[in-house]
Protein backbone atom coordinates (compact mmCIF):
# COMPACT_ATOMS: atom_id res chain seq x y z
CA MET A 1 -0.18 7.04 29.42
CA VAL A 2 -0.41 10.70 29.91
CA LEU A 3 -4.21 10.13 30.15
CA LEU A 4 -3.88 7.79 33.57
CA PRO A 5 -2.55 11.17 35.68
CA LEU A 6 -4.85 12.98 34.32
CA ARG A 7 -7.74 11.35 34.96
CA CYS A 8 -6.22 11.22 38.59
CA LEU A 9 -5.48 14.23 38.72
CA LEU A 10 -9.72 14.98 37.39
CA TRP A 11 -10.75 12.12 39.99
CA GLY A 12 -8.40 14.02 43.09
CA CYS A 13 -10.41 17.56 42.14
CA VAL A 14 -13.82 15.84 42.43
CA LEU A 15 -13.26 14.46 45.07
CA THR A 16 -11.38 16.87 47.30
CA ALA A 17 -14.59 19.47 46.30
CA VAL A 18 -17.00 17.06 47.41
CA HIS A 19 -14.90 15.92 50.79
CA PRO A 20 -12.57 19.16 51.54
CA GLU A 21 -10.52 18.76 54.33
CA PRO A 22 -11.60 19.91 57.62
CA ARG A 23 -10.16 23.79 58.42
CA THR A 24 -7.29 24.19 60.28
CA THR A 25 -6.75 28.34 60.56
CA CYS A 26 -9.31 30.66 60.86
CA ARG A 27 -9.39 34.39 60.30
CA GLU A 28 -7.87 37.53 62.85
CA ASN A 29 -10.84 37.52 65.85
CA GLU A 30 -11.72 34.05 64.47
CA TYR A 31 -11.20 30.13 66.82
CA LEU A 32 -12.00 27.27 65.03
CA ILE A 33 -13.95 24.81 67.20
CA ASN A 34 -15.69 21.71 65.55
CA SER A 35 -14.27 21.91 61.86
CA ARG A 36 -15.79 25.84 61.44
CA CYS A 37 -14.45 28.97 62.60
CA CYS A 38 -16.72 31.08 64.83
CA ASP A 39 -16.05 35.02 65.45
CA LYS A 40 -14.44 36.13 68.53
CA CYS A 41 -16.73 38.36 71.03
CA GLN A 42 -15.12 41.90 71.27
CA PRO A 43 -14.21 44.21 73.60
CA GLY A 44 -16.67 44.54 76.58
CA LYS A 45 -18.71 41.42 75.84
CA LYS A 46 -18.24 37.64 77.00
CA LEU A 47 -19.15 33.77 75.12
CA VAL A 48 -22.49 32.87 76.00
CA ASN A 49 -22.45 30.20 73.26
CA ASP A 50 -20.70 28.85 70.09
CA CYS A 51 -21.46 29.25 66.47
CA THR A 52 -23.27 26.59 64.65
CA GLU A 53 -23.96 26.12 60.83
CA PHE A 54 -26.95 27.85 61.26
CA THR A 55 -26.64 30.47 63.94
CA SER A 56 -23.56 33.16 64.59
CA THR A 57 -21.40 33.06 67.95
CA GLU A 58 -23.82 34.16 70.65
CA CYS A 59 -21.55 37.03 72.90
CA VAL A 60 -23.46 39.03 75.88
CA PRO A 61 -22.05 42.55 77.62
CA CYS A 62 -20.35 42.66 80.57
CA LYS A 63 -21.98 43.74 83.29
CA LYS A 64 -21.35 46.36 85.69
CA GLY A 65 -18.09 45.78 87.98
CA GLU A 66 -16.79 44.02 85.39
CA PHE A 67 -14.42 44.49 81.79
CA LEU A 68 -12.81 42.40 78.90
CA ASP A 69 -10.24 44.52 76.99
CA THR A 70 -9.54 41.93 73.92
CA TRP A 71 -11.73 39.51 71.23
CA ASN A 72 -12.09 36.43 73.13
CA ILE A 73 -13.97 33.30 73.74
CA GLU A 74 -14.57 34.16 77.49
CA ARG A 75 -16.77 32.43 79.13
CA HIS A 76 -16.36 34.69 82.96
CA CYS A 77 -15.83 38.80 82.67
CA HIS A 78 -12.83 39.65 84.83
CA GLN A 79 -13.88 42.00 87.83
CA HIS A 80 -12.74 45.28 87.86
CA LYS A 81 -9.68 45.75 90.51
CA TYR A 82 -10.61 47.82 93.60
CA CYS A 83 -8.51 50.85 94.66
CA ASP A 84 -8.27 49.96 98.17
CA PRO A 85 -8.01 53.53 100.19
CA ASN A 86 -6.53 51.62 102.97
CA GLN A 87 -3.91 51.16 101.03
CA GLY A 88 -3.87 54.75 100.54
CA LEU A 89 -5.31 53.94 96.35
CA GLN A 90 -7.56 56.38 94.92
CA VAL A 91 -9.69 55.84 91.60
CA GLN A 92 -7.21 57.35 88.94
CA ARG A 93 -10.03 55.84 86.40
CA GLU A 94 -12.95 54.01 86.33
CA GLY A 95 -13.37 51.40 84.71
CA THR A 96 -16.00 50.27 81.55
CA SER A 97 -16.37 47.10 80.53
CA GLU A 98 -13.74 47.13 78.05
CA THR A 99 -11.03 48.86 80.32
CA ASP A 100 -9.96 47.97 83.68
CA THR A 101 -10.41 50.65 86.85
CA THR A 102 -7.05 52.33 87.37
CA CYS A 103 -5.73 53.25 90.88
CA THR A 104 -3.66 55.94 91.77
CA CYS A 105 -1.84 56.51 95.83
CA ASP A 106 -2.98 59.24 97.89
CA GLU A 107 -1.16 62.99 98.61
CA GLY A 108 2.09 62.21 99.62
CA LEU A 109 2.58 58.30 98.74
CA HIS A 110 3.28 56.93 95.71
CA CYS A 111 3.25 53.32 93.84
CA THR A 112 5.28 50.38 94.73
CA SER A 113 4.98 48.77 91.02
CA ASP A 114 3.32 49.90 87.37
CA ALA A 115 0.45 48.46 88.42
CA CYS A 116 -0.42 50.31 91.42
CA GLU A 117 -1.39 48.01 93.47
CA SER A 118 -0.44 49.36 97.25
CA CYS A 119 1.46 52.38 97.89
CA ILE A 120 4.42 53.71 99.93
CA GLN A 121 5.20 57.18 102.34
CA HIS A 122 7.42 59.04 99.76
CA THR A 123 11.57 59.73 100.60
CA LEU A 124 11.87 62.40 102.68
CA CYS A 125 16.02 63.95 101.86
CA PRO A 126 17.44 65.11 105.03
CA PRO A 127 17.77 68.49 105.74
CA GLY A 128 21.06 69.79 103.59
CA LEU A 129 20.59 66.29 101.04
CA GLY A 130 18.67 67.23 97.89
CA VAL A 131 17.72 64.99 95.67
CA LYS A 132 20.41 62.84 93.69
CA GLN A 133 17.77 61.04 90.44
CA VAL A 134 14.42 61.56 89.98
CA ASP A 135 12.61 58.04 88.29
CA ILE A 136 9.62 58.65 86.67
CA TRP A 137 6.91 55.84 86.44
CA PRO A 138 3.60 55.76 85.04
CA HIS A 139 1.68 56.60 88.61
CA PHE A 140 4.17 58.69 90.60
CA VAL A 141 7.80 60.45 90.44
CA ARG A 142 10.08 59.23 92.74
CA ALA A 143 13.13 60.47 94.05
CA THR A 144 16.55 59.70 95.59
CA CYS A 145 18.38 61.15 97.96
CA LEU A 146 21.56 62.50 97.91
CA ASN A 147 24.73 60.44 100.25
CA PRO A 148 25.66 62.63 103.41
CA VAL A 149 29.44 63.70 102.53
CA ILE A 150 31.68 62.46 105.96
CA GLN A 151 34.10 64.95 106.22
């Protein structure tokens, strides 16, 4: 009676070794395709061909003006942000194959959001009224004026 379960266990191990279950998870910076774990492309490169039994994942660098900032399986790189001078924007830091371009505003203007996609003019406090509060954002300093005292 004890031999039967041992034989089943032995045959189960042999069959599992001959016919393993397909993989369902991969390591970090890998992706699953056709029951195979392939390497993702490193930042700054895009995917051209998935790996096979005989070849590794094929990646190529992003072109000038493009980037990918994470390990990826993207077939296309992203375009760098355009800092439109007609919107009061200028380049703060040029983009690379691994980073996007960052914009900042011309003198006298400040960004309307953290992404700094547009600019507005600084608020000028009327004569005799000072600054009530200063908000410091990553790309600008914004001031809130004091309310006038009505007597």
